[in-house]
Amino acid sequence: MPTKSSVGKSSYTRSRKLLKPGGIYLTTVPSLQILMWMLVTRNFGKTRAGIAFTGLRKPQAMAQDVKYMSDLTASGHYVPVIDRTYNLKEAATAQAHAESGRKSGSVVLNLHDPGE
């Protein structure tokens, strides 16, 4: 069974043993720890650490990323880890759960009301 990890919940130190040789751990959150690991893994080790500044990309590039991830999901090559799904009326509860530190995957807000 594959190991699951949520975005922002695991450090490079904890995740590196899960990476295949040549694998790259990416984060979008800069920290002194990840900067140190980037320098170390650039020259040593079988895996690498890096930062992806995805929010700075142009809208067209972001759209390509979304399509790419959608295709990976549809093909079964990527399985998102979803903790809970809420409807729009539960947005405040969803936000509280997301900020609680107890989620074990993405919190999804369904904008489509199934009753419509």
PDB file of N, CA and C in Angstrom:
ATOM      1  N   MET A   1       0.853  -1.186   0.000  1.00  0.00           N
ATOM      2  CA  MET A   1       0.000   0.000   0.000  1.00  0.00           C
ATOM      3  C   MET A   1       0.888   1.235   0.000  1.00  0.00           C
ATOM      4  N   PRO A   2       0.610   2.243  -0.855  1.00  0.00           N
ATOM      5  CA  PRO A   2       1.452   3.428  -0.906  1.00  0.00           C
ATOM      6  C   PRO A   2       1.349   4.249   0.375  1.00  0.00           C
ATOM      7  N   THR A   3       2.429   4.908   0.724  1.00  0.00           N
ATOM      8  CA  THR A   3       2.430   5.801   1.866  1.00  0.00           C
ATOM      9  C   THR A   3       1.807   7.118   1.447  1.00  0.00           C
ATOM     10  N   LYS A   4       0.971   7.668   2.321  1.00  0.00           N
ATOM     11  CA  LYS A   4       0.308   8.936   2.016  1.00  0.00           C
ATOM     12  C   LYS A   4       0.926  10.041   2.851  1.00  0.00           C
ATOM     13  N   SER A   5       1.012  11.201   2.264  1.00  0.00           N
ATOM     14  CA  SER A   5       1.495  12.370   2.975  1.00  0.00           C
ATOM     15  C   SER A   5       0.731  13.573   2.460  1.00  0.00           C
ATOM     16  N   SER A   6       0.440  14.479   3.351  1.00  0.00           N
ATOM     17  CA  SER A   6      -0.297  15.676   2.982  1.00  0.00           C
ATOM     18  C   SER A   6       0.649  16.830   2.751  1.00  0.00           C
ATOM     19  N   VAL A   7       0.238  17.724   1.909  1.00  0.00           N
ATOM     20  CA  VAL A   7       1.033  18.908   1.621  1.00  0.00           C
ATOM     21  C   VAL A   7       1.253  19.692   2.907  1.00  0.00           C
ATOM     22  N   GLY A   8       2.487  20.082   3.137  1.00  0.00           N
ATOM     23  CA  GLY A   8       2.814  20.891   4.298  1.00  0.00           C
ATOM     24  C   GLY A   8       2.879  20.131   5.600  1.00  0.00           C
ATOM     25  N   LYS A   9       2.691  18.843   5.587  1.00  0.00           N
ATOM     26  CA  LYS A   9       2.667  18.058   6.818  1.00  0.00           C
ATOM     27  C   LYS A   9       3.930  17.251   7.047  1.00  0.00           C
ATOM     28  N   SER A  10       4.838  17.223   6.093  1.00  0.00           N
ATOM     29  CA  SER A  10       6.022  16.394   6.247  1.00  0.00           C
ATOM     30  C   SER A  10       7.242  17.133   5.719  1.00  0.00           C
ATOM     31  N   SER A  11       8.318  17.052   6.464  1.00  0.00           N
ATOM     32  CA  SER A  11       9.553  17.730   6.084  1.00  0.00           C
ATOM     33  C   SER A  11      10.369  16.860   5.130  1.00  0.00           C
ATOM     34  N   TYR A  12      11.400  17.451   4.560  1.00  0.00           N
ATOM     35  CA  TYR A  12      12.315  16.672   3.721  1.00  0.00           C
ATOM     36  C   TYR A  12      12.947  15.562   4.556  1.00  0.00           C
ATOM     37  N   THR A  13      13.339  15.876   5.779  1.00  0.00           N
ATOM     38  CA  THR A  13      13.975  14.882   6.643  1.00  0.00           C
ATOM     39  C   THR A  13      13.082  13.659   6.809  1.00  0.00           C
ATOM     40  N   ARG A  14      11.782  13.870   7.027  1.00  0.00           N
ATOM     41  CA  ARG A  14      10.855  12.750   7.195  1.00  0.00           C
ATOM     42  C   ARG A  14      10.524  12.074   5.870  1.00  0.00           C
ATOM     43  N   SER A  15      10.535  12.819   4.782  1.00  0.00           N
ATOM     44  CA  SER A  15      10.084  12.292   3.495  1.00  0.00           C
ATOM     45  C   SER A  15      11.171  11.639   2.660  1.00  0.00           C
ATOM     46  N   ARG A  16      12.417  11.958   2.896  1.00  0.00           N
ATOM     47  CA  ARG A  16      13.482  11.501   1.989  1.00  0.00           C
ATOM     48  C   ARG A  16      13.580   9.992   1.881  1.00  0.00           C
ATOM     49  N   LYS A  17      13.249   9.266   2.939  1.00  0.00           N
ATOM     50  CA  LYS A  17      13.317   7.800   2.861  1.00  0.00           C
ATOM     51  C   LYS A  17      12.219   7.228   1.959  1.00  0.00           C
ATOM     52  N   LEU A  18      11.212   8.024   1.647  1.00  0.00           N
ATOM     53  CA  LEU A  18      10.129   7.584   0.761  1.00  0.00           C
ATOM     54  C   LEU A  18      10.426   7.867  -0.710  1.00  0.00           C
ATOM     55  N   LEU A  19      11.420   8.715  -0.964  1.00  0.00           N
ATOM     56  CA  LEU A  19      11.766   9.082  -2.335  1.00  0.00           C
ATOM     57  C   LEU A  19      12.591   7.993  -3.004  1.00  0.00           C
ATOM     58  N   LYS A  20      12.340   7.784  -4.274  1.00  0.00           N
ATOM     59  CA  LYS A  20      13.175   6.875  -5.061  1.00  0.00           C
ATOM     60  C   LYS A  20      14.494   7.580  -5.351  1.00  0.00           C
ATOM     61  N   PRO A  21      15.559   6.832  -5.669  1.00  0.00           N
ATOM     62  CA  PRO A  21      16.805   7.481  -6.066  1.00  0.00           C
ATOM     63  C   PRO A  21      16.541   8.458  -7.218  1.00  0.00           C
ATOM     64  N   GLY A  22      17.037   9.659  -7.076  1.00  0.00           N
ATOM     65  CA  GLY A  22      16.798  10.701  -8.067  1.00  0.00           C
ATOM     66  C   GLY A  22      15.535  11.493  -7.806  1.00  0.00           C
ATOM     67  N   GLY A  23      14.739  11.081  -6.797  1.00  0.00           N
ATOM     68  CA  GLY A  23      13.490  11.778  -6.470  1.00  0.00           C
ATOM     69  C   GLY A  23      13.743  13.145  -5.861  1.00  0.00           C
ATOM     70  N   ILE A  24      12.769  14.021  -6.007  1.00  0.00           N
ATOM     71  CA  ILE A  24      12.898  15.390  -5.509  1.00  0.00           C
ATOM     72  C   ILE A  24      11.742  15.710  -4.579  1.00  0.00           C
ATOM     73  N   TYR A  25      12.058  16.197  -3.398  1.00  0.00           N
ATOM     74  CA  TYR A  25      11.066  16.699  -2.447  1.00  0.00           C
ATOM     75  C   TYR A  25      10.887  18.181  -2.747  1.00  0.00           C
ATOM     76  N   LEU A  26       9.658  18.603  -3.032  1.00  0.00           N
ATOM     77  CA  LEU A  26       9.389  20.015  -3.312  1.00  0.00           C
ATOM     78  C   LEU A  26       8.465  20.594  -2.255  1.00  0.00           C
ATOM     79  N   THR A  27       8.748  21.808  -1.870  1.00  0.00           N
ATOM     80  CA  THR A  27       7.876  22.549  -0.975  1.00  0.00           C
ATOM     81  C   THR A  27       7.644  23.920  -1.579  1.00  0.00           C
ATOM     82  N   THR A  28       6.556  24.551  -1.184  1.00  0.00           N
ATOM     83  CA  THR A  28       6.292  25.925  -1.620  1.00  0.00           C
ATOM     84  C   THR A  28       6.545  26.897  -0.481  1.00  0.00           C
ATOM     85  N   VAL A  29       7.040  26.378   0.648  1.00  0.00           N
ATOM     86  CA  VAL A  29       7.266  27.202   1.839  1.00  0.00           C
ATOM     87  C   VAL A  29       8.762  27.304   2.126  1.00  0.00           C
ATOM     88  N   PRO A  30       9.359  28.467   1.855  1.00  0.00           N
ATOM     89  CA  PRO A  30      10.782  28.627   2.126  1.00  0.00           C
ATOM     90  C   PRO A  30      11.064  28.606   3.635  1.00  0.00           C
ATOM     91  N   SER A  31      12.136  27.942   4.021  1.00  0.00           N
ATOM     92  CA  SER A  31      12.579  27.932   5.418  1.00  0.00           C
ATOM     93  C   SER A  31      14.090  27.747   5.427  1.00  0.00           C
ATOM     94  N   LEU A  32      14.708  28.055   6.551  1.00  0.00           N
ATOM     95  CA  LEU A  32      16.157  27.841   6.655  1.00  0.00           C
ATOM     96  C   LEU A  32      16.488  26.364   6.490  1.00  0.00           C
ATOM     97  N   GLN A  33      15.647  25.496   7.036  1.00  0.00           N
ATOM     98  CA  GLN A  33      15.893  24.056   6.939  1.00  0.00           C
ATOM     99  C   GLN A  33      15.902  23.596   5.480  1.00  0.00           C
ATOM    100  N   ILE A  34      14.915  23.990   4.703  1.00  0.00           N
ATOM    101  CA  ILE A  34      14.855  23.525   3.307  1.00  0.00           C
ATOM    102  C   ILE A  34      15.983  24.158   2.489  1.00  0.00           C
ATOM    103  N   LEU A  35      16.345  25.391   2.781  1.00  0.00           N
ATOM    104  CA  LEU A  35      17.472  26.012   2.078  1.00  0.00           C
ATOM    105  C   LEU A  35      18.767  25.245   2.354  1.00  0.00           C
ATOM    106  N   MET A  36      18.963  24.808   3.611  1.00  0.00           N
ATOM    107  CA  MET A  36      20.139  24.017   3.948  1.00  0.00           C
ATOM    108  C   MET A  36      20.123  22.690   3.187  1.00  0.00           C
ATOM    109  N   TRP A  37      18.957  22.018   3.170  1.00  0.00           N
ATOM    110  CA  TRP A  37      18.870  20.736   2.466  1.00  0.00           C
ATOM    111  C   TRP A  37      19.074  20.907   0.961  1.00  0.00           C
ATOM    112  N   MET A  38      18.636  22.016   0.405  1.00  0.00           N
ATOM    113  CA  MET A  38      18.860  22.260  -1.028  1.00  0.00           C
ATOM    114  C   MET A  38      20.354  22.310  -1.325  1.00  0.00           C
ATOM    115  N   LEU A  39      21.105  23.021  -0.478  1.00  0.00           N
ATOM    116  CA  LEU A  39      22.554  23.123  -0.680  1.00  0.00           C
ATOM    117  C   LEU A  39      23.234  21.766  -0.512  1.00  0.00           C
ATOM    118  N   VAL A  40      22.840  21.016   0.522  1.00  0.00           N
ATOM    119  CA  VAL A  40      23.462  19.718   0.797  1.00  0.00           C
ATOM    120  C   VAL A  40      23.142  18.716  -0.305  1.00  0.00           C
ATOM    121  N   THR A  41      21.865  18.633  -0.698  1.00  0.00           N
ATOM    122  CA  THR A  41      21.471  17.601  -1.662  1.00  0.00           C
ATOM    123  C   THR A  41      21.881  17.931  -3.089  1.00  0.00           C
ATOM    124  N   ARG A  42      22.247  19.154  -3.344  1.00  0.00           N
ATOM    125  CA  ARG A  42      22.733  19.503  -4.680  1.00  0.00           C
ATOM    126  C   ARG A  42      23.995  18.724  -5.014  1.00  0.00           C
ATOM    127  N   ASN A  43      24.824  18.482  -3.999  1.00  0.00           N
ATOM    128  CA  ASN A  43      26.114  17.833  -4.214  1.00  0.00           C
ATOM    129  C   ASN A  43      26.233  16.428  -3.630  1.00  0.00           C
ATOM    130  N   PHE A  44      25.359  16.095  -2.680  1.00  0.00           N
ATOM    131  CA  PHE A  44      25.476  14.806  -1.987  1.00  0.00           C
ATOM    132  C   PHE A  44      24.114  14.122  -1.919  1.00  0.00           C
ATOM    133  N   GLY A  45      24.135  12.813  -1.817  1.00  0.00           N
ATOM    134  CA  GLY A  45      22.910  12.057  -1.595  1.00  0.00           C
ATOM    135  C   GLY A  45      22.241  11.585  -2.872  1.00  0.00           C
ATOM    136  N   LYS A  46      21.260  10.722  -2.686  1.00  0.00           N
ATOM    137  CA  LYS A  46      20.542  10.125  -3.813  1.00  0.00           C
ATOM    138  C   LYS A  46      19.245  10.852  -4.147  1.00  0.00           C
ATOM    139  N   THR A  47      18.809  11.755  -3.269  1.00  0.00           N
ATOM    140  CA  THR A  47      17.593  12.530  -3.498  1.00  0.00           C
ATOM    141  C   THR A  47      17.922  14.005  -3.384  1.00  0.00           C
ATOM    142  N   ARG A  48      16.946  14.842  -3.739  1.00  0.00           N
ATOM    143  CA  ARG A  48      17.174  16.289  -3.689  1.00  0.00           C
ATOM    144  C   ARG A  48      16.022  16.978  -2.999  1.00  0.00           C
ATOM    145  N   ALA A  49      16.270  18.174  -2.519  1.00  0.00           N
ATOM    146  CA  ALA A  49      15.255  19.021  -1.908  1.00  0.00           C
ATOM    147  C   ALA A  49      15.178  20.307  -2.704  1.00  0.00           C
ATOM    148  N   GLY A  50      13.980  20.876  -2.799  1.00  0.00           N
ATOM    149  CA  GLY A  50      13.830  22.112  -3.556  1.00  0.00           C
ATOM    150  C   GLY A  50      12.599  22.894  -3.147  1.00  0.00           C
ATOM    151  N   ILE A  51      12.536  24.130  -3.626  1.00  0.00           N
ATOM    152  CA  ILE A  51      11.388  25.014  -3.401  1.00  0.00           C
ATOM    153  C   ILE A  51      10.779  25.318  -4.760  1.00  0.00           C
ATOM    154  N   ALA A  52       9.456  25.245  -4.842  1.00  0.00           N
ATOM    155  CA  ALA A  52       8.739  25.583  -6.070  1.00  0.00           C
ATOM    156  C   ALA A  52       7.914  26.840  -5.809  1.00  0.00           C
ATOM    157  N   PHE A  53       8.261  27.921  -6.449  1.00  0.00           N
ATOM    158  CA  PHE A  53       7.530  29.180  -6.287  1.00  0.00           C
ATOM    159  C   PHE A  53       6.390  29.226  -7.305  1.00  0.00           C
ATOM    160  N   THR A  54       5.418  28.340  -7.121  1.00  0.00           N
ATOM    161  CA  THR A  54       4.340  28.171  -8.100  1.00  0.00           C
ATOM    162  C   THR A  54       3.419  29.370  -8.186  1.00  0.00           C
ATOM    163  N   GLY A  55       3.270  30.126  -7.117  1.00  0.00           N
ATOM    164  CA  GLY A  55       2.380  31.287  -7.133  1.00  0.00           C
ATOM    165  C   GLY A  55       2.887  32.426  -7.994  1.00  0.00           C
ATOM    166  N   LEU A  56       4.137  32.368  -8.405  1.00  0.00           N
ATOM    167  CA  LEU A  56       4.717  33.433  -9.219  1.00  0.00           C
ATOM    168  C   LEU A  56       4.607  33.148 -10.714  1.00  0.00           C
ATOM    169  N   ARG A  57       4.037  32.013 -11.068  1.00  0.00           N
ATOM    170  CA  ARG A  57       3.940  31.636 -12.477  1.00  0.00           C
ATOM    171  C   ARG A  57       2.826  32.398 -13.172  1.00  0.00           C
ATOM    172  N   LYS A  58       2.928  32.515 -14.484  1.00  0.00           N
ATOM    173  CA  LYS A  58       1.906  33.187 -15.289  1.00  0.00           C
ATOM    174  C   LYS A  58       0.644  32.322 -15.331  1.00  0.00           C
ATOM    175  N   PRO A  59      -0.537  32.941 -15.495  1.00  0.00           N
ATOM    176  CA  PRO A  59      -1.800  32.189 -15.511  1.00  0.00           C
ATOM    177  C   PRO A  59      -1.828  31.041 -16.531  1.00  0.00           C
ATOM    178  N   GLN A  60      -1.220  31.244 -17.708  1.00  0.00           N
ATOM    179  CA  GLN A  60      -1.207  30.182 -18.719  1.00  0.00           C
ATOM    180  C   GLN A  60      -0.425  28.969 -18.227  1.00  0.00           C
ATOM    181  N   ALA A  61       0.694  29.212 -17.560  1.00  0.00           N
ATOM    182  CA  ALA A  61       1.498  28.112 -17.031  1.00  0.00           C
ATOM    183  C   ALA A  61       0.758  27.394 -15.911  1.00  0.00           C
ATOM    184  N   MET A  62       0.047  28.153 -15.075  1.00  0.00           N
ATOM    185  CA  MET A  62      -0.737  27.531 -14.006  1.00  0.00           C
ATOM    186  C   MET A  62      -1.855  26.674 -14.592  1.00  0.00           C
ATOM    187  N   ALA A  63      -2.490  27.144 -15.654  1.00  0.00           N
ATOM    188  CA  ALA A  63      -3.551  26.373 -16.311  1.00  0.00           C
ATOM    189  C   ALA A  63      -2.990  25.062 -16.865  1.00  0.00           C
ATOM    190  N   GLN A  64      -1.794  25.106 -17.430  1.00  0.00           N
ATOM    191  CA  GLN A  64      -1.154  23.879 -17.926  1.00  0.00           C
ATOM    192  C   GLN A  64      -0.876  22.915 -16.777  1.00  0.00           C
ATOM    193  N   ASP A  65      -0.464  23.460 -15.638  1.00  0.00           N
ATOM    194  CA  ASP A  65      -0.215  22.614 -14.461  1.00  0.00           C
ATOM    195  C   ASP A  65      -1.498  21.925 -14.006  1.00  0.00           C
ATOM    196  N   VAL A  66      -2.598  22.672 -13.972  1.00  0.00           N
ATOM    197  CA  VAL A  66      -3.879  22.103 -13.547  1.00  0.00           C
ATOM    198  C   VAL A  66      -4.298  20.998 -14.507  1.00  0.00           C
ATOM    199  N   LYS A  67      -4.146  21.220 -15.810  1.00  0.00           N
ATOM    200  CA  LYS A  67      -4.497  20.191 -16.785  1.00  0.00           C
ATOM    201  C   LYS A  67      -3.611  18.959 -16.615  1.00  0.00           C
ATOM    202  N   TYR A  68      -2.328  19.179 -16.404  1.00  0.00           N
ATOM    203  CA  TYR A  68      -1.390  18.072 -16.210  1.00  0.00           C
ATOM    204  C   TYR A  68      -1.789  17.238 -14.989  1.00  0.00           C
ATOM    205  N   MET A  69      -2.085  17.902 -13.872  1.00  0.00           N
ATOM    206  CA  MET A  69      -2.487  17.184 -12.665  1.00  0.00           C
ATOM    207  C   MET A  69      -3.824  16.479 -12.867  1.00  0.00           C
ATOM    208  N   SER A  70      -4.723  17.101 -13.605  1.00  0.00           N
ATOM    209  CA  SER A  70      -6.011  16.477 -13.917  1.00  0.00           C
ATOM    210  C   SER A  70      -5.807  15.204 -14.735  1.00  0.00           C
ATOM    211  N   ASP A  71      -4.927  15.267 -15.722  1.00  0.00           N
ATOM    212  CA  ASP A  71      -4.630  14.087 -16.548  1.00  0.00           C
ATOM    213  C   ASP A  71      -3.989  12.976 -15.712  1.00  0.00           C
ATOM    214  N   LEU A  72      -3.062  13.341 -14.821  1.00  0.00           N
ATOM    215  CA  LEU A  72      -2.436  12.335 -13.950  1.00  0.00           C
ATOM    216  C   LEU A  72      -3.481  11.677 -13.048  1.00  0.00           C
ATOM    217  N   THR A  73      -4.403  12.486 -12.536  1.00  0.00           N
ATOM    218  CA  THR A  73      -5.456  11.955 -11.665  1.00  0.00           C
ATOM    219  C   THR A  73      -6.378  11.031 -12.440  1.00  0.00           C
ATOM    220  N   ALA A  74      -6.795  11.454 -13.627  1.00  0.00           N
ATOM    221  CA  ALA A  74      -7.706  10.644 -14.450  1.00  0.00           C
ATOM    222  C   ALA A  74      -7.071   9.311 -14.831  1.00  0.00           C
ATOM    223  N   SER A  75      -5.750   9.302 -15.040  1.00  0.00           N
ATOM    224  CA  SER A  75      -5.064   8.069 -15.440  1.00  0.00           C
ATOM    225  C   SER A  75      -4.731   7.169 -14.248  1.00  0.00           C
ATOM    226  N   GLY A  76      -4.924   7.672 -13.028  1.00  0.00           N
ATOM    227  CA  GLY A  76      -4.611   6.892 -11.839  1.00  0.00           C
ATOM    228  C   GLY A  76      -3.160   6.984 -11.399  1.00  0.00           C
ATOM    229  N   HIS A  77      -2.354   7.796 -12.080  1.00  0.00           N
ATOM    230  CA  HIS A  77      -0.952   7.947 -11.704  1.00  0.00           C
ATOM    231  C   HIS A  77      -0.758   8.871 -10.507  1.00  0.00           C
ATOM    232  N   TYR A  78      -1.779   9.643 -10.191  1.00  0.00           N
ATOM    233  CA  TYR A  78      -1.759  10.504  -9.013  1.00  0.00           C
ATOM    234  C   TYR A  78      -3.091  10.329  -8.302  1.00  0.00           C
ATOM    235  N   VAL A  79      -3.022  10.042  -7.018  1.00  0.00           N
ATOM    236  CA  VAL A  79      -4.236   9.894  -6.212  1.00  0.00           C
ATOM    237  C   VAL A  79      -4.178  10.940  -5.107  1.00  0.00           C
ATOM    238  N   PRO A  80      -5.019  11.971  -5.198  1.00  0.00           N
ATOM    239  CA  PRO A  80      -4.984  13.008  -4.164  1.00  0.00           C
ATOM    240  C   PRO A  80      -5.449  12.456  -2.816  1.00  0.00           C
ATOM    241  N   VAL A  81      -4.853  12.960  -1.753  1.00  0.00           N
ATOM    242  CA  VAL A  81      -5.250  12.574  -0.397  1.00  0.00           C
ATOM    243  C   VAL A  81      -6.267  13.604   0.073  1.00  0.00           C
ATOM    244  N   ILE A  82      -7.516  13.175   0.218  1.00  0.00           N
ATOM    245  CA  ILE A  82      -8.597  14.076   0.621  1.00  0.00           C
ATOM    246  C   ILE A  82      -9.046  13.688   2.025  1.00  0.00           C
ATOM    247  N   ASP A  83      -8.945  14.622   2.941  1.00  0.00           N
ATOM    248  CA  ASP A  83      -9.350  14.379   4.320  1.00  0.00           C
ATOM    249  C   ASP A  83     -10.878  14.443   4.445  1.00  0.00           C
ATOM    250  N   ARG A  84     -11.448  15.551   4.014  1.00  0.00           N
ATOM    251  CA  ARG A  84     -12.899  15.733   4.111  1.00  0.00           C
ATOM    252  C   ARG A  84     -13.379  16.637   2.977  1.00  0.00           C
ATOM    253  N   THR A  85     -14.657  16.459   2.644  1.00  0.00           N
ATOM    254  CA  THR A  85     -15.310  17.309   1.652  1.00  0.00           C
ATOM    255  C   THR A  85     -16.496  17.996   2.318  1.00  0.00           C
ATOM    256  N   TYR A  86     -16.617  19.291   2.100  1.00  0.00           N
ATOM    257  CA  TYR A  86     -17.702  20.083   2.673  1.00  0.00           C
ATOM    258  C   TYR A  86     -18.486  20.748   1.548  1.00  0.00           C
ATOM    259  N   ASN A  87     -19.767  21.040   1.804  1.00  0.00           N
ATOM    260  CA  ASN A  87     -20.517  21.829   0.832  1.00  0.00           C
ATOM    261  C   ASN A  87     -20.335  23.309   1.167  1.00  0.00           C
ATOM    262  N   LEU A  88     -20.764  24.173   0.271  1.00  0.00           N
ATOM    263  CA  LEU A  88     -20.525  25.609   0.403  1.00  0.00           C
ATOM    264  C   LEU A  88     -21.108  26.175   1.698  1.00  0.00           C
ATOM    265  N   LYS A  89     -22.233  25.649   2.141  1.00  0.00           N
ATOM    266  CA  LYS A  89     -22.855  26.141   3.376  1.00  0.00           C
ATOM    267  C   LYS A  89     -21.996  25.831   4.607  1.00  0.00           C
ATOM    268  N   GLU A  90     -21.056  24.886   4.471  1.00  0.00           N
ATOM    269  CA  GLU A  90     -20.184  24.490   5.574  1.00  0.00           C
ATOM    270  C   GLU A  90     -18.786  25.106   5.460  1.00  0.00           C
ATOM    271  N   ALA A  91     -18.682  26.203   4.700  1.00  0.00           N
ATOM    272  CA  ALA A  91     -17.366  26.805   4.438  1.00  0.00           C
ATOM    273  C   ALA A  91     -16.636  27.194   5.716  1.00  0.00           C
ATOM    274  N   ALA A  92     -17.335  27.746   6.675  1.00  0.00           N
ATOM    275  CA  ALA A  92     -16.687  28.148   7.928  1.00  0.00           C
ATOM    276  C   ALA A  92     -16.161  26.929   8.683  1.00  0.00           C
ATOM    277  N   THR A  93     -16.933  25.861   8.700  1.00  0.00           N
ATOM    278  CA  THR A  93     -16.499  24.622   9.355  1.00  0.00           C
ATOM    279  C   THR A  93     -15.290  24.038   8.625  1.00  0.00           C
ATOM    280  N   ALA A  94     -15.326  24.075   7.293  1.00  0.00           N
ATOM    281  CA  ALA A  94     -14.206  23.565   6.495  1.00  0.00           C
ATOM    282  C   ALA A  94     -12.935  24.347   6.792  1.00  0.00           C
ATOM    283  N   GLN A  95     -13.042  25.669   6.873  1.00  0.00           N
ATOM    284  CA  GLN A  95     -11.881  26.511   7.168  1.00  0.00           C
ATOM    285  C   GLN A  95     -11.345  26.207   8.559  1.00  0.00           C
ATOM    286  N   ALA A  96     -12.235  26.058   9.519  1.00  0.00           N
ATOM    287  CA  ALA A  96     -11.806  25.748  10.887  1.00  0.00           C
ATOM    288  C   ALA A  96     -11.073  24.409  10.929  1.00  0.00           C
ATOM    289  N   HIS A  97     -11.586  23.424  10.196  1.00  0.00           N
ATOM    290  CA  HIS A  97     -10.924  22.116  10.168  1.00  0.00           C
ATOM    291  C   HIS A  97      -9.553  22.221   9.493  1.00  0.00           C
ATOM    292  N   ALA A  98      -9.473  22.977   8.406  1.00  0.00           N
ATOM    293  CA  ALA A  98      -8.202  23.140   7.692  1.00  0.00           C
ATOM    294  C   ALA A  98      -7.157  23.806   8.580  1.00  0.00           C
ATOM    295  N   GLU A  99      -7.579  24.734   9.415  1.00  0.00           N
ATOM    296  CA  GLU A  99      -6.647  25.459  10.278  1.00  0.00           C
ATOM    297  C   GLU A  99      -6.373  24.733  11.600  1.00  0.00           C
ATOM    298  N   SER A 100      -7.086  23.652  11.862  1.00  0.00           N
ATOM    299  CA  SER A 100      -6.979  22.964  13.156  1.00  0.00           C
ATOM    300  C   SER A 100      -5.651  22.237  13.358  1.00  0.00           C
ATOM    301  N   GLY A 101      -4.960  21.924  12.255  1.00  0.00           N
ATOM    302  CA  GLY A 101      -3.729  21.154  12.367  1.00  0.00           C
ATOM    303  C   GLY A 101      -3.977  19.660  12.492  1.00  0.00           C
ATOM    304  N   ARG A 102      -5.247  19.241  12.382  1.00  0.00           N
ATOM    305  CA  ARG A 102      -5.572  17.829  12.530  1.00  0.00           C
ATOM    306  C   ARG A 102      -5.992  17.174  11.220  1.00  0.00           C
ATOM    307  N   LYS A 103      -5.915  17.894  10.123  1.00  0.00           N
ATOM    308  CA  LYS A 103      -6.317  17.292   8.848  1.00  0.00           C
ATOM    309  C   LYS A 103      -5.215  16.368   8.340  1.00  0.00           C
ATOM    310  N   SER A 104      -5.627  15.350   7.590  1.00  0.00           N
ATOM    311  CA  SER A 104      -4.650  14.384   7.075  1.00  0.00           C
ATOM    312  C   SER A 104      -4.684  14.331   5.557  1.00  0.00           C
ATOM    313  N   GLY A 105      -5.050  15.420   4.942  1.00  0.00           N
ATOM    314  CA  GLY A 105      -5.126  15.522   3.493  1.00  0.00           C
ATOM    315  C   GLY A 105      -5.762  16.850   3.144  1.00  0.00           C
ATOM    316  N   SER A 106      -6.157  16.998   1.908  1.00  0.00           N
ATOM    317  CA  SER A 106      -6.799  18.239   1.473  1.00  0.00           C
ATOM    318  C   SER A 106      -8.216  18.332   2.013  1.00  0.00           C
ATOM    319  N   VAL A 107      -8.625  19.539   2.293  1.00  0.00           N
ATOM    320  CA  VAL A 107     -10.008  19.820   2.659  1.00  0.00           C
ATOM    321  C   VAL A 107     -10.643  20.414   1.412  1.00  0.00           C
ATOM    322  N   VAL A 108     -11.684  19.766   0.914  1.00  0.00           N
ATOM    323  CA  VAL A 108     -12.311  20.159  -0.347  1.00  0.00           C
ATOM    324  C   VAL A 108     -13.617  20.883  -0.065  1.00  0.00           C
ATOM    325  N   LEU A 109     -13.800  22.016  -0.721  1.00  0.00           N
ATOM    326  CA  LEU A 109     -15.051  22.765  -0.627  1.00  0.00           C
ATOM    327  C   LEU A 109     -15.787  22.585  -1.940  1.00  0.00           C
ATOM    328  N   ASN A 110     -16.919  21.881  -1.909  1.00  0.00           N
ATOM    329  CA  ASN A 110     -17.712  21.603  -3.097  1.00  0.00           C
ATOM    330  C   ASN A 110     -18.600  22.812  -3.371  1.00  0.00           C
ATOM    331  N   LEU A 111     -18.348  23.476  -4.492  1.00  0.00           N
ATOM    332  CA  LEU A 111     -19.123  24.670  -4.835  1.00  0.00           C
ATOM    333  C   LEU A 111     -20.456  24.343  -5.497  1.00  0.00           C
ATOM    334  N   HIS A 112     -20.633  23.113  -5.882  1.00  0.00           N
ATOM    335  CA  HIS A 112     -21.887  22.684  -6.514  1.00  0.00           C
ATOM    336  C   HIS A 112     -22.788  22.077  -5.447  1.00  0.00           C
ATOM    337  N   ASP A 113     -23.976  22.595  -5.296  1.00  0.00           N
ATOM    338  CA  ASP A 113     -24.935  22.056  -4.335  1.00  0.00           C
ATOM    339  C   ASP A 113     -25.604  20.839  -4.947  1.00  0.00           C
ATOM    340  N   PRO A 114     -25.431  19.645  -4.371  1.00  0.00           N
ATOM    341  CA  PRO A 114     -26.018  18.425  -4.942  1.00  0.00           C
ATOM    342  C   PRO A 114     -27.532  18.490  -5.043  1.00  0.00           C
ATOM    343  N   GLY A 115     -28.180  19.377  -4.269  1.00  0.00           N
ATOM    344  CA  GLY A 115     -29.630  19.508  -4.315  1.00  0.00           C
ATOM    345  C   GLY A 115     -30.130  20.312  -5.505  1.00  0.00           C
ATOM    346  N   GLU A 116     -29.208  20.927  -6.241  1.00  0.00           N
ATOM    347  CA  GLU A 116     -29.639  21.766  -7.393  1.00  0.00           C
ATOM    348  C   GLU A 116     -29.930  20.931  -8.605  1.00  0.00           C
TER     349      GLU A 116
END
